[in-house]
Amino acid sequence: MSSILHAIRKQLDHLHQQERKLADYILQFPGHVVTMGITDLAEQSGTSAATVTRFCKSLYFRGFPDFKTKLAADMAQHASSQSYQDIIAGNSLAGTVSAIEANHLLSISDTTRLLDLTELERALKALNKAGRIDLYGVATSGIVAQDFYYKLVLIGKHACAYTDSHMQITSASNLTPNDVAIAISYSGETLETIDALKCAKANGATTISLTKYGSNTLSDLADIKLFTSSLEEGMRRGDMASRIAQLHVIDIIFSALVSEQFTDLIPKLERSYRMVEKYRKEKGGNVSDMNILTFETNEELNEVGAGIIASLVQTKPNAVLGLATGSTPIGIYEELIKLYQKGRVSFKHATTFNLDEYIGLPEDHPESYRTFMNEKLFNHIDIPLEQTHVPNGNAADLEKECRDYDDMLTNSKQIDLQILGLGHNGHIGFNEPDQSLNSGTHIVQLKEETRKANARFFNSIDEVPTQAITMGVGTILKAKMIMLVVRGAEKAAIVQRALQGAITTDVPASLLQTHPNVVVLLDKEAGGMLS
């Protein structure tokens, strides 16, 4: 039987006379109902159009058209799927494995069809704004509450899960209108959980319920109602499928939360994971106000860096990326190419802006940054070249080129993710140490130590250009998220000065300490001097 029809059958004894007549007709002739108009259904069931509308809304549908559409989909699914399988005596191990797999898959499928995206969006909005999040549940629902609590803490949310009835009430009594309370109960009739949600609601908190589908006390009480499959009843399975269904909804909410606030939450998620790994394995790691991650191998660093970029583009296909050149990001670009080739990410709608370009090198020169980007990334992914931007170091009017580049950046609104390397003297882009730093794109005279560091890419230092065009520090700091990547023991001292030293224009990278959303990826050698 479909989840919707099952829920209607369970409520028959609680319906008024007219609604009972309508429910009996729907249960007897569901195939006819999905083809009827509201007037026809009212006439055939001996009720009224108002009764039909009221009945549909009591089941949390927006009206009869919504009910009819979802009933048809639910029936179509169940017509071709197997039923839940109970535990039986003497079943073989292979049979048990098959039965539990089928039950869990069916529970997830049923629950997915019952999800109301509008209610989910309301829940996400409330959770995003919440100052504090309370989670209530007992028995297996308490396990689900604990799971969501763990996920929320990973991304820096102020949350707590309570399974003790007294603690639920105690916490609920201290909530405010800025807070959210989530109550989880398969039946929707768990008295302790109902009392806690009532208390939270009385204090003005936004209340969310997660129950089996259908009218029940908890969902009737909640401001936002989320449902799971209701077909498990009567099974001797220790609430297995219902728990899986609840976890399915929690995972959807968590993933959507992270997706909506990707640039804020992914660094926190990565940082929490790395810190756990650090203390569990007793490896080196660092903690500061920045999200500083150290890696045992460059392969691991490359995978995480590429993963952050790819996840952003997956969730925001038209993302604006700020890109860097040099040897530091090559491994990350190689991993991005692999992800593209595997069909995991597309850059078709993305836009890129490079930090800088040498002045005086032809665009097709092997060491120009336009050539570098084409060869190391652009030629191997699906981004249209007209959506990639590198300053023109051969422009007739270089000052105008700087202004035009800033205008393009402004028209693109804001860089979503800016990748940076770190120079031996602390420069980012080609913003060299100085008494003052330019905010916008500008022409820079390269320091001798910078030219020496880059001479390895040329036949001699004499071939290294003396000037470049670079984004200014102000432009870099406007990015929503910055990813600083540093490798090698020779950078350890400048890494320490940039990340933990004084903020000074003598070390331009130290200004990153003022940015609210920086993730730093270091190999263990580069992070060797951090405290």
Protein backbone atom coordinates (compact mmCIF):
# COMPACT_ATOMS: atom_id res chain seq x y z
CA MET A 1 0.00 0.00 0.00
CA SER A 2 1.20 3.52 -0.70
CA SER A 3 2.45 5.67 2.19
CA ILE A 4 -0.38 8.16 1.70
CA LEU A 5 -3.12 5.54 1.68
CA HIS A 6 -1.56 3.88 4.70
CA ALA A 7 -1.60 7.17 6.60
CA ILE A 8 -5.26 7.73 5.70
CA ARG A 9 -6.19 4.23 6.90
CA LYS A 10 -4.46 4.83 10.23
CA GLN A 11 -6.49 7.99 10.82
CA LEU A 12 -9.95 6.62 9.99
CA ASP A 13 -11.08 6.32 13.62
CA HIS A 14 -10.18 9.96 14.31
CA LEU A 15 -12.02 11.55 11.38
CA HIS A 16 -15.34 13.37 11.47
CA GLN A 17 -18.27 11.72 9.66
CA GLN A 18 -17.92 13.59 6.35
CA GLU A 19 -14.14 13.19 6.26
CA ARG A 20 -14.57 9.49 7.09
CA LYS A 21 -16.88 9.07 4.09
CA LEU A 22 -14.31 10.78 1.87
CA ALA A 23 -11.44 8.69 3.26
CA ASP A 24 -13.37 5.45 2.75
CA TYR A 25 -14.00 6.37 -0.88
CA ILE A 26 -10.34 7.28 -1.49
CA LEU A 27 -9.18 3.99 0.05
CA GLN A 28 -11.67 1.99 -2.02
CA PHE A 29 -11.10 3.74 -5.35
CA PRO A 30 -7.65 5.40 -5.27
CA GLY A 31 -7.11 4.80 -8.99
CA HIS A 32 -10.26 6.76 -9.82
CA VAL A 33 -9.46 9.59 -7.41
CA VAL A 34 -6.26 10.56 -9.21
CA THR A 35 -8.24 11.17 -12.42
CA MET A 36 -11.06 13.19 -10.83
CA GLY A 37 -11.66 16.86 -10.32
CA ILE A 38 -12.54 18.11 -6.86
CA THR A 39 -16.24 18.47 -7.73
CA ASP A 40 -16.45 14.91 -9.09
CA LEU A 41 -14.76 13.49 -5.99
CA ALA A 42 -17.07 15.42 -3.67
CA GLU A 43 -20.13 14.16 -5.58
CA GLN A 44 -18.98 10.53 -5.80
CA SER A 45 -18.03 10.38 -2.11
CA GLY A 46 -21.21 12.14 -0.91
CA THR A 47 -19.28 15.03 0.60
CA SER A 48 -18.47 18.60 -0.47
CA ALA A 49 -15.60 20.39 -2.17
CA ALA A 50 -14.90 22.18 1.12
CA THR A 51 -14.58 18.81 2.88
CA VAL A 52 -12.15 17.59 0.21
CA THR A 53 -9.97 20.68 0.58
CA ARG A 54 -10.06 20.54 4.38
CA PHE A 55 -9.20 16.82 4.33
CA CYS A 56 -6.21 17.35 2.01
CA LYS A 57 -4.84 20.18 4.14
CA SER A 58 -5.22 18.08 7.28
CA LEU A 59 -2.72 15.71 5.62
CA TYR A 60 -0.42 18.70 5.01
CA PHE A 61 -1.04 18.97 1.28
CA ARG A 62 -1.57 22.42 -0.21
CA GLY A 63 -4.92 21.35 -1.62
CA PHE A 64 -6.57 18.67 -3.73
CA PRO A 65 -4.37 19.10 -6.85
CA ASP A 66 -1.25 18.63 -4.70
CA PHE A 67 -2.78 15.60 -2.98
CA LYS A 68 -3.82 14.02 -6.27
CA THR A 69 -0.40 14.49 -7.89
CA LYS A 70 1.50 13.00 -4.97
CA LEU A 71 -0.95 10.14 -4.52
CA ALA A 72 -0.54 9.17 -8.18
CA ALA A 73 3.26 9.19 -7.86
CA ASP A 74 3.12 7.24 -4.61
CA MET A 75 0.83 4.59 -6.06
CA ALA A 76 2.94 4.26 -9.21
CA GLN A 77 6.04 3.66 -7.12
CA HIS A 78 4.42 1.07 -4.89
CA ALA A 79 2.84 -0.74 -7.81
CA SER A 80 6.32 -1.72 -9.00
CA SER A 81 8.08 -2.15 -5.66
CA GLN A 82 8.10 -4.87 -3.07
CA SER A 83 6.60 -4.56 0.41
CA TYR A 84 8.46 -4.27 3.67
CA GLN A 85 9.69 -7.64 4.89
CA ASP A 86 9.38 -8.64 8.52
CA ILE A 87 11.77 -10.73 10.62
CA ILE A 88 10.74 -14.38 10.38
CA ALA A 89 11.91 -17.50 12.18
CA GLY A 90 14.55 -19.62 10.47
CA ASN A 91 15.35 -17.14 7.71
CA SER A 92 18.73 -17.76 6.08
CA LEU A 93 21.54 -15.26 6.52
CA ALA A 94 21.36 -14.41 2.82
CA GLY A 95 17.60 -13.90 3.15
CA THR A 96 18.04 -11.62 6.16
CA VAL A 97 20.64 -9.52 4.34
CA SER A 98 18.34 -9.19 1.34
CA ALA A 99 15.30 -8.32 3.47
CA ILE A 100 17.03 -5.60 5.48
CA GLU A 101 18.52 -4.08 2.34
CA ALA A 102 15.11 -3.99 0.69
CA ASN A 103 13.48 -2.47 3.77
CA HIS A 104 16.05 0.31 4.07
CA LEU A 105 15.98 1.17 0.38
CA LEU A 106 12.18 1.20 0.37
CA SER A 107 12.09 3.40 3.47
CA ILE A 108 14.44 5.95 1.87
CA SER A 109 12.47 5.92 -1.37
CA ASP A 110 9.13 6.35 0.42
CA THR A 111 10.51 9.17 2.55
CA THR A 112 11.99 11.03 -0.41
CA ARG A 113 8.61 11.15 -2.14
CA LEU A 114 6.98 12.53 1.00
CA LEU A 115 9.43 15.42 1.43
CA ASP A 116 7.92 18.85 0.88
CA LEU A 117 10.62 21.11 -0.58
CA THR A 118 8.85 24.22 0.67
CA GLU A 119 8.93 22.94 4.25
CA LEU A 120 12.56 21.89 3.81
CA GLU A 121 13.46 25.39 2.63
CA ARG A 122 11.69 26.88 5.66
CA ALA A 123 13.65 24.55 7.92
CA LEU A 124 16.95 25.52 6.28
CA LYS A 125 16.19 29.22 6.60
CA ALA A 126 15.39 28.81 10.30
CA LEU A 127 18.52 26.75 10.98
CA ASN A 128 20.74 29.23 9.10
CA LYS A 129 19.48 32.10 11.28
CA ALA A 130 19.35 30.19 14.58
CA GLY A 131 21.43 31.40 17.49
CA ARG A 132 20.98 28.04 19.19
CA ILE A 133 19.55 24.71 18.06
CA ASP A 134 17.94 22.20 20.46
CA LEU A 135 17.36 18.59 19.38
CA TYR A 136 14.89 16.37 21.23
CA GLY A 137 14.36 12.62 20.84
CA VAL A 138 14.22 9.43 22.91
CA ALA A 139 15.13 5.81 22.13
CA THR A 140 16.08 5.38 18.45
CA SER A 141 14.94 8.94 17.70
CA GLY A 142 17.44 10.06 20.33
CA ILE A 143 20.18 8.37 18.31
CA VAL A 144 19.10 10.39 15.27
CA ALA A 145 19.11 13.60 17.34
CA GLN A 146 22.66 12.82 18.48
CA ASP A 147 23.73 12.24 14.87
CA PHE A 148 22.39 15.64 13.78
CA TYR A 149 24.00 17.28 16.82
CA TYR A 150 27.37 15.85 15.79
CA LYS A 151 26.97 17.16 12.23
CA LEU A 152 25.94 20.64 13.37
CA VAL A 153 28.90 20.92 15.74
CA LEU A 154 31.24 19.98 12.87
CA ILE A 155 30.22 23.16 11.05
CA GLY A 156 30.33 25.41 14.08
CA LYS A 157 26.63 25.58 14.92
CA HIS A 158 25.61 26.10 18.55
CA ALA A 159 23.57 22.93 19.04
CA CYS A 160 22.82 20.30 21.68
CA ALA A 161 20.84 17.04 21.71
CA TYR A 162 18.77 15.93 24.70
CA THR A 163 17.34 12.47 25.29
CA ASP A 164 16.48 12.94 28.97
CA SER A 165 12.97 14.35 29.44
CA HIS A 166 13.96 16.67 32.30
CA MET A 167 16.90 18.08 30.36
CA GLN A 168 14.70 18.59 27.31
CA ILE A 169 12.32 20.77 29.29
CA THR A 170 15.15 22.56 31.11
CA SER A 171 16.83 23.51 27.84
CA ALA A 172 13.55 24.37 26.07
CA SER A 173 12.62 26.76 28.87
CA ASN A 174 15.71 28.84 28.09
CA LEU A 175 15.16 29.19 24.34
CA THR A 176 14.33 32.52 22.71
CA PRO A 177 12.66 33.63 19.45
CA ASN A 178 16.13 33.55 17.85
CA ASP A 179 16.45 29.80 18.45
CA VAL A 180 15.20 26.57 16.87
CA ALA A 181 13.93 23.38 18.48
CA ILE A 182 13.77 20.14 16.48
CA ALA A 183 11.69 17.27 17.86
CA ILE A 184 12.16 13.78 16.42
CA SER A 185 9.63 11.00 17.02
CA TYR A 186 8.55 8.30 14.61
CA SER A 187 5.04 8.07 16.04
CA GLY A 188 4.72 11.78 16.72
CA GLU A 189 3.11 10.84 20.04
CA THR A 190 6.15 10.56 22.35
CA LEU A 191 4.94 12.46 25.42
CA GLU A 192 8.34 13.69 26.62
CA THR A 193 9.22 15.05 23.18
CA ILE A 194 5.82 16.70 22.81
CA ASP A 195 6.20 18.46 26.17
CA ALA A 196 9.66 19.74 25.23
CA LEU A 197 8.43 21.13 21.92
CA LYS A 198 5.46 22.78 23.63
CA CYS A 199 7.84 24.50 26.05
CA ALA A 200 10.13 25.64 23.23
CA LYS A 201 7.17 26.99 21.28
CA ALA A 202 5.87 28.84 24.33
CA ASN A 203 9.22 30.64 24.55
CA GLY A 204 8.98 31.79 20.93
CA ALA A 205 11.48 29.40 19.37
CA THR A 206 10.85 28.16 15.82
CA THR A 207 9.75 24.51 16.13
CA ILE A 208 10.42 21.71 13.64
CA SER A 209 9.03 18.18 13.82
CA LEU A 210 10.29 15.01 12.14
CA THR A 211 7.67 12.27 12.37
CA LYS A 212 6.02 9.54 10.33
CA TYR A 213 3.71 10.84 7.65
CA GLY A 214 0.23 11.82 8.73
CA SER A 215 -1.50 13.90 11.36
CA ASN A 216 -0.06 13.42 14.84
CA THR A 217 0.33 15.51 17.96
CA LEU A 218 3.94 16.52 17.36
CA SER A 219 3.51 17.55 13.72
CA ASP A 220 0.28 19.40 14.54
CA LEU A 221 2.23 21.37 17.15
CA ALA A 222 5.30 22.25 15.05
CA ASP A 223 5.76 25.36 12.92
CA ILE A 224 7.60 23.34 10.26
CA LYS A 225 6.62 19.74 9.57
CA LEU A 226 8.92 17.11 8.03
CA PHE A 227 7.86 13.53 7.43
CA THR A 228 9.28 10.07 6.90
CA SER A 229 7.68 6.90 5.57
CA SER A 230 4.87 5.54 7.73
CA LEU A 231 4.91 1.93 6.49
CA GLU A 232 7.01 0.28 9.20
CA GLU A 233 4.27 -0.33 11.75
CA GLY A 234 3.69 -3.88 12.89
CA MET A 235 7.21 -4.96 11.98
CA ARG A 236 9.44 -6.64 14.58
CA ARG A 237 12.57 -4.78 13.47
CA GLY A 238 13.50 -2.47 16.35
CA ASP A 239 12.58 0.65 14.37
CA MET A 240 15.27 -0.09 11.80
CA ALA A 241 13.71 1.36 8.67
CA SER A 242 12.23 4.36 10.50
CA ARG A 243 15.65 5.24 11.90
CA ILE A 244 17.20 4.99 8.43
CA ALA A 245 14.43 7.23 7.05
CA GLN A 246 15.01 9.83 9.79
CA LEU A 247 18.76 9.81 9.16
CA HIS A 248 18.04 10.22 5.44
CA VAL A 249 16.16 13.47 6.14
CA ILE A 250 18.89 14.67 8.53
CA ASP A 251 21.56 14.04 5.90
CA ILE A 252 19.54 16.00 3.33
CA ILE A 253 19.19 18.96 5.70
CA PHE A 254 22.88 18.90 6.65
CA SER A 255 24.06 18.68 3.03
CA ALA A 256 21.73 21.51 2.00
CA LEU A 257 22.97 23.67 4.90
CA VAL A 258 26.58 23.22 3.83
CA SER A 259 25.70 23.76 0.17
CA GLU A 260 23.90 27.05 0.87
CA GLN A 261 26.79 28.42 2.95
CA PHE A 262 29.61 26.63 1.21
CA THR A 263 32.34 29.24 1.53
CA ASP A 264 31.61 29.70 5.25
CA LEU A 265 31.06 26.09 6.29
CA ILE A 266 33.40 23.95 4.18
CA PRO A 267 36.56 25.39 5.80
CA LYS A 268 35.05 24.67 9.24
CA LEU A 269 34.19 21.14 8.18
CA GLU A 270 37.68 20.57 6.78
CA ARG A 271 39.29 22.10 9.84
CA SER A 272 37.32 19.97 12.31
CA TYR A 273 38.18 16.85 10.34
CA ARG A 274 41.87 17.71 10.21
CA MET A 275 42.05 18.57 13.89
CA VAL A 276 40.43 15.26 14.84
CA GLU A 277 42.94 13.49 12.60
CA LYS A 278 45.77 15.43 14.20
CA TYR A 279 44.98 14.43 17.76
CA ARG A 280 43.84 10.92 16.93
CA LYS A 281 47.01 10.09 15.05
CA GLU A 282 49.28 12.41 17.10
CA LYS A 283 50.50 14.10 13.94
CA GLY A 284 51.53 17.71 13.52
CA GLY A 285 48.83 20.31 13.07
CA ASN A 286 48.09 23.89 13.89
CA VAL A 287 45.30 25.84 15.47
CA SER A 288 44.78 29.55 14.99
CA ASP A 289 41.98 31.94 14.08
CA MET A 290 42.59 30.90 10.47
CA ASN A 291 41.64 27.50 9.15
CA ILE A 292 45.18 26.10 8.90
CA LEU A 293 45.49 22.56 7.60
CA THR A 294 48.76 20.66 7.37
CA PHE A 295 49.29 17.54 5.29
CA GLU A 296 51.71 14.67 5.42
CA THR A 297 51.85 14.39 1.63
CA ASN A 298 51.44 16.74 -1.31
CA GLU A 299 48.98 14.27 -2.83
CA GLU A 300 46.66 14.72 0.13
CA LEU A 301 47.02 18.50 -0.03
CA ASN A 302 46.22 18.48 -3.76
CA GLU A 303 43.12 16.34 -3.27
CA VAL A 304 41.72 18.58 -0.52
CA GLY A 305 42.47 21.77 -2.44
CA ALA A 306 40.87 20.45 -5.62
CA GLY A 307 37.96 19.09 -3.60
CA ILE A 308 37.19 22.52 -2.13
CA ILE A 309 37.25 24.14 -5.58
CA ALA A 310 35.23 21.38 -7.24
CA SER A 311 32.61 21.38 -4.48
CA LEU A 312 32.15 25.13 -4.89
CA VAL A 313 31.66 24.81 -8.66
CA GLN A 314 29.30 21.84 -8.19
CA THR A 315 27.07 23.84 -5.85
CA LYS A 316 27.51 27.13 -7.74
CA PRO A 317 28.16 26.37 -11.44
CA ASN A 318 28.64 30.07 -12.29
CA ALA A 319 31.25 30.58 -9.58
CA VAL A 320 33.95 33.23 -10.04
CA LEU A 321 37.41 31.80 -9.33
CA GLY A 322 40.58 33.77 -8.69
CA LEU A 323 43.53 31.70 -9.90
CA ALA A 324 47.26 31.69 -9.26
CA THR A 325 50.28 30.50 -11.26
CA GLY A 326 53.68 29.13 -10.35
CA SER A 327 54.62 25.63 -9.20
CA THR A 328 52.47 25.72 -6.04
CA PRO A 329 48.98 25.22 -7.55
CA ILE A 330 49.97 22.80 -10.34
CA GLY A 331 49.14 19.67 -8.33
CA ILE A 332 45.72 21.09 -7.44
CA TYR A 333 45.03 21.89 -11.10
CA GLU A 334 46.02 18.34 -12.06
CA GLU A 335 43.51 16.96 -9.55
CA LEU A 336 40.80 19.28 -10.93
CA ILE A 337 41.47 17.94 -14.43
CA LYS A 338 41.07 14.39 -13.12
CA LEU A 339 37.76 15.30 -11.47
CA TYR A 340 36.56 16.87 -14.73
CA GLN A 341 37.61 13.82 -16.74
CA LYS A 342 35.67 11.58 -14.34
CA GLY A 343 32.55 13.69 -14.90
CA ARG A 344 32.54 14.95 -11.31
CA VAL A 345 32.65 18.66 -12.15
CA SER A 346 32.03 21.01 -15.08
CA PHE A 347 33.50 24.49 -15.48
CA LYS A 348 31.29 25.39 -18.44
CA HIS A 349 29.59 28.27 -16.60
CA ALA A 350 32.47 29.36 -14.35
CA THR A 351 34.52 32.54 -14.77
CA THR A 352 38.17 32.93 -13.82
CA PHE A 353 40.47 35.87 -13.11
CA ASN A 354 44.20 35.40 -12.72
CA LEU A 355 46.15 37.34 -10.16
CA ASP A 356 48.91 38.66 -12.37
CA GLU A 357 50.96 38.63 -15.57
CA TYR A 358 54.48 39.66 -16.56
CA ILE A 359 54.85 42.87 -18.53
CA GLY A 360 56.63 42.50 -21.85
CA LEU A 361 56.29 38.75 -22.42
CA PRO A 362 54.29 37.82 -25.53
CA GLU A 363 51.05 36.03 -24.67
CA ASP A 364 52.32 32.85 -26.34
CA HIS A 365 55.70 32.95 -24.57
CA PRO A 366 56.22 29.63 -22.73
CA GLU A 367 56.61 31.47 -19.40
CA SER A 368 53.69 33.88 -19.79
CA TYR A 369 50.93 33.24 -17.29
CA ARG A 370 48.34 33.00 -20.06
CA THR A 371 50.34 30.13 -21.58
CA PHE A 372 50.76 28.59 -18.13
CA MET A 373 47.03 28.60 -17.41
CA ASN A 374 46.11 27.25 -20.84
CA GLU A 375 48.61 24.40 -20.59
CA LYS A 376 48.13 23.52 -16.93
CA LEU A 377 44.34 23.82 -16.71
CA PHE A 378 42.15 25.56 -19.30
CA ASN A 379 43.02 23.33 -22.29
CA HIS A 380 42.03 20.23 -20.29
CA ILE A 381 38.61 21.25 -18.95
CA ASP A 382 35.40 22.54 -20.53
CA ILE A 383 35.66 26.23 -19.59
CA PRO A 384 35.26 28.55 -22.62
CA LEU A 385 38.46 30.57 -23.00
CA GLU A 386 36.47 33.80 -23.27
CA GLN A 387 35.41 33.21 -19.64
CA THR A 388 39.05 33.14 -18.51
CA HIS A 389 40.83 36.41 -17.80
CA VAL A 390 44.54 37.16 -17.43
CA PRO A 391 45.91 40.73 -17.37
CA ASN A 392 47.40 41.83 -20.71
CA GLY A 393 51.06 42.58 -20.05
CA ASN A 394 51.48 43.85 -23.62
CA ALA A 395 48.67 46.40 -23.64
CA ALA A 396 49.51 49.69 -25.35
CA ASP A 397 48.19 51.56 -22.30
CA LEU A 398 49.09 49.54 -19.21
CA GLU A 399 47.39 51.92 -16.77
CA LYS A 400 44.15 51.60 -18.73
CA GLU A 401 44.59 47.80 -18.73
CA CYS A 402 44.73 47.90 -14.93
CA ARG A 403 41.55 49.98 -14.75
CA ASP A 404 39.78 47.75 -17.27
CA TYR A 405 40.76 44.62 -15.30
CA ASP A 406 39.31 46.10 -12.12
CA ASP A 407 36.13 47.00 -14.01
CA MET A 408 35.75 43.39 -15.18
CA LEU A 409 36.23 42.19 -11.62
CA THR A 410 33.63 44.66 -10.40
CA ASN A 411 31.16 43.57 -13.09
CA SER A 412 31.61 39.97 -11.93
CA LYS A 413 30.41 41.17 -8.51
CA GLN A 414 32.80 39.22 -6.29
CA ILE A 415 35.36 36.44 -6.48
CA ASP A 416 33.90 33.39 -4.72
CA LEU A 417 37.24 31.70 -4.11
CA GLN A 418 40.71 33.20 -4.52
CA ILE A 419 43.72 30.87 -4.71
CA LEU A 420 47.04 32.30 -3.51
CA GLY A 421 50.63 31.17 -3.31
CA LEU A 422 53.17 32.79 -1.01
CA GLY A 423 56.40 34.42 -2.09
CA HIS A 424 59.66 34.01 -0.16
CA ASN A 425 59.38 37.63 0.97
CA GLY A 426 55.68 37.34 1.85
CA HIS A 427 54.24 38.69 -1.38
CA ILE A 428 50.81 37.57 -2.60
CA GLY A 429 50.14 37.99 -6.28
CA PHE A 430 52.99 40.32 -7.13
CA ASN A 431 52.20 42.65 -4.22
CA GLU A 432 55.74 43.14 -2.95
CA PRO A 433 56.68 44.35 0.58
CA ASP A 434 56.51 48.13 0.80
CA GLN A 435 55.56 50.96 3.15
CA SER A 436 52.12 51.01 1.56
CA LEU A 437 50.22 48.63 -0.70
CA ASN A 438 47.94 49.34 -3.66
CA SER A 439 44.34 48.30 -3.33
CA GLY A 440 43.43 47.83 -7.00
CA THR A 441 45.10 46.24 -10.01
CA HIS A 442 48.39 48.02 -10.69
CA ILE A 443 51.87 47.87 -12.23
CA VAL A 444 54.59 46.63 -9.91
CA GLN A 445 58.39 46.68 -10.03
CA LEU A 446 59.52 43.16 -9.11
CA LYS A 447 61.98 42.81 -6.24
CA GLU A 448 65.33 41.20 -7.03
CA GLU A 449 64.59 38.27 -4.69
CA THR A 450 61.30 37.62 -6.52
CA ARG A 451 63.08 37.64 -9.89
CA LYS A 452 65.73 35.27 -8.51
CA ALA A 453 63.03 32.90 -7.22
CA ASN A 454 61.37 32.88 -10.66
CA ALA A 455 64.61 32.55 -12.60
CA ARG A 456 64.33 28.75 -12.43
CA PHE A 457 61.58 28.98 -15.07
CA PHE A 458 63.85 30.91 -17.48
CA ASN A 459 67.30 30.33 -18.98
CA SER A 460 68.75 33.03 -16.73
CA ILE A 461 67.68 35.81 -14.39
CA ASP A 462 68.32 38.30 -17.20
CA GLU A 463 65.29 36.89 -19.03
CA VAL A 464 62.94 37.39 -16.06
CA PRO A 465 60.80 40.51 -16.61
CA THR A 466 61.33 43.37 -14.18
CA GLN A 467 57.65 44.43 -14.08
CA ALA A 468 54.25 42.81 -13.80
CA ILE A 469 50.55 43.65 -13.57
CA THR A 470 48.93 42.33 -10.41
CA MET A 471 45.63 42.45 -8.56
CA GLY A 472 45.92 44.68 -5.52
CA VAL A 473 45.68 43.46 -1.93
CA GLY A 474 42.33 45.22 -1.58
CA THR A 475 40.92 43.29 -4.53
CA ILE A 476 42.26 40.01 -3.11
CA LEU A 477 40.72 40.67 0.31
CA LYS A 478 37.30 41.28 -1.27
CA ALA A 479 37.04 37.59 -2.22
CA LYS A 480 34.40 35.65 -0.29
CA MET A 481 36.93 32.92 0.50
CA ILE A 482 40.71 32.74 0.17
CA MET A 483 42.74 29.54 -0.13
CA LEU A 484 46.45 30.04 0.58
CA VAL A 485 48.64 27.15 -0.54
CA VAL A 486 52.29 26.86 0.54
CA ARG A 487 54.82 24.08 0.10
CA GLY A 488 58.41 23.50 1.17
CA ALA A 489 60.70 24.01 4.18
CA GLU A 490 62.22 27.13 2.61
CA LYS A 491 58.82 28.85 3.11
CA ALA A 492 58.42 27.84 6.78
CA ALA A 493 59.79 31.09 8.21
CA ILE A 494 57.65 33.36 6.02
CA VAL A 495 54.60 31.18 6.70
CA GLN A 496 55.09 31.75 10.43
CA ARG A 497 55.49 35.51 9.94
CA ALA A 498 52.49 35.74 7.61
CA LEU A 499 50.08 33.69 9.71
CA GLN A 500 51.20 34.28 13.29
CA GLY A 501 53.34 37.42 13.14
CA ALA A 502 52.45 41.11 13.17
CA ILE A 503 50.14 42.44 10.46
CA THR A 504 52.40 44.63 8.36
CA THR A 505 52.88 45.75 4.76
CA ASP A 506 56.44 44.43 5.09
CA VAL A 507 54.79 40.99 4.84
CA PRO A 508 51.81 41.53 2.51
CA ALA A 509 50.43 38.03 3.22
CA SER A 510 50.01 38.97 6.90
CA LEU A 511 47.02 41.08 5.83
CA LEU A 512 45.18 37.78 5.25
CA GLN A 513 44.82 37.64 9.04
CA THR A 514 42.19 40.36 8.69
CA HIS A 515 40.03 38.28 6.33
CA PRO A 516 37.11 36.35 7.91
CA ASN A 517 37.32 33.28 5.67
CA VAL A 518 40.80 31.97 4.89
CA VAL A 519 41.77 28.33 4.59
CA VAL A 520 45.51 27.60 4.53
CA LEU A 521 46.82 24.37 2.99
CA LEU A 522 50.41 23.56 4.00
CA ASP A 523 52.65 20.59 3.52
CA LYS A 524 54.33 19.54 6.80
CA GLU A 525 57.61 21.25 5.85
CA ALA A 526 55.97 24.63 5.18
CA GLY A 527 54.10 24.43 8.49
CA GLY A 528 57.14 23.34 10.46
CA MET A 529 57.68 26.62 12.35
CA LEU A 530 54.08 27.32 13.34
CA SER A 531 53.34 27.25 17.04
